[in-house]
């Protein structure tokens, strides 16, 4: 039972890391001067929360999406 719970926890962690990584990549690409005010406020909130993460967690999150992007690129090339 504990093993199953741990597997669920790790799967959820990977999902959250992908969400954070994708959010960080999106925020990094945004031009805040071209966004509606409501979107700027939301982007600022996401950026603030991402910046509060420990460096290791952020690196894990970026690594999680990088691996997915590389897998998708490899699949397109096939």
Protein backbone atom coordinates (compact mmCIF):
# COMPACT_ATOMS: atom_id res chain seq x y z
CA UNK A 1 0.00 0.00 0.00
CA UNK A 2 2.80 2.42 0.85
CA UNK A 3 4.53 1.59 -2.42
CA UNK A 4 1.37 2.44 -4.40
CA UNK A 5 0.98 5.74 -2.54
CA UNK A 6 4.60 6.61 -3.25
CA UNK A 7 4.13 5.82 -6.96
CA UNK A 8 1.07 8.08 -7.04
CA UNK A 9 3.00 10.84 -5.27
CA UNK A 10 5.92 10.60 -7.69
CA UNK A 11 3.58 10.65 -10.69
CA UNK A 12 1.85 13.74 -9.36
CA UNK A 13 5.22 15.38 -8.73
CA UNK A 14 6.25 14.76 -12.34
CA UNK A 15 2.99 16.27 -13.56
CA UNK A 16 3.48 19.33 -11.38
CA UNK A 17 7.08 19.69 -12.52
CA UNK A 18 5.92 19.69 -16.16
CA UNK A 19 3.32 22.36 -15.38
CA UNK A 20 5.87 24.53 -13.58
CA UNK A 21 8.48 24.03 -16.30
CA UNK A 22 6.04 24.92 -19.06
CA UNK A 23 4.84 27.94 -17.09
CA UNK A 24 8.40 29.14 -16.55
CA UNK A 25 9.16 28.77 -20.26
CA UNK A 26 5.99 30.64 -21.18
CA UNK A 27 6.65 33.47 -18.73
CA UNK A 28 10.21 33.81 -20.02
CA UNK A 29 8.90 34.32 -23.58
CA UNK A 30 6.18 36.84 -22.79
CA UNK A 31 6.41 40.52 -23.68
CA UNK A 32 4.53 42.16 -20.82
CA UNK A 33 4.09 45.35 -22.85
CA UNK A 34 1.83 43.49 -25.29
CA UNK A 35 -0.38 41.72 -22.74
CA UNK A 36 -3.74 42.89 -21.37
CA UNK A 37 -3.54 44.21 -17.79
CA UNK A 38 -5.27 41.13 -16.36
CA UNK A 39 -2.80 38.84 -18.10
CA UNK A 40 0.17 40.87 -16.83
CA UNK A 41 -1.09 40.53 -13.27
CA UNK A 42 -1.52 36.76 -13.67
CA UNK A 43 1.88 36.39 -15.32
CA UNK A 44 3.46 38.39 -12.51
CA UNK A 45 1.85 36.14 -9.92
CA UNK A 46 3.06 32.99 -11.69
CA UNK A 47 6.57 34.46 -12.08
CA UNK A 48 6.66 35.38 -8.39
CA UNK A 49 5.66 31.86 -7.35
CA UNK A 50 8.17 30.28 -9.71
CA UNK A 51 10.91 32.52 -8.34
CA UNK A 52 10.08 31.32 -4.82
CA UNK A 53 10.89 27.72 -5.75
CA UNK A 54 14.18 26.21 -4.63
CA UNK A 55 16.74 26.23 -7.46
CA UNK A 56 16.86 22.43 -7.58
CA UNK A 57 13.09 22.17 -8.01
CA UNK A 58 13.10 24.74 -10.81
CA UNK A 59 15.91 22.87 -12.55
CA UNK A 60 13.92 19.63 -12.23
CA UNK A 61 10.87 21.38 -13.69
CA UNK A 62 12.79 22.78 -16.65
CA UNK A 63 14.42 19.40 -17.16
CA UNK A 64 11.00 17.72 -17.19
CA UNK A 65 9.77 19.84 -20.10
CA UNK A 66 13.09 19.75 -21.93
CA UNK A 67 12.93 15.97 -21.99
CA UNK A 68 9.38 16.14 -23.38
CA UNK A 69 10.32 18.70 -26.03
CA UNK A 70 13.30 16.58 -27.12
CA UNK A 71 11.08 13.47 -27.30
CA UNK A 72 8.50 15.34 -29.42
CA UNK A 73 11.22 16.69 -31.73
CA UNK A 74 12.68 13.20 -32.15
CA UNK A 75 9.21 11.81 -32.94
CA UNK A 76 8.64 14.49 -35.59
CA UNK A 77 11.99 13.73 -37.20
CA UNK A 78 11.13 10.05 -37.58
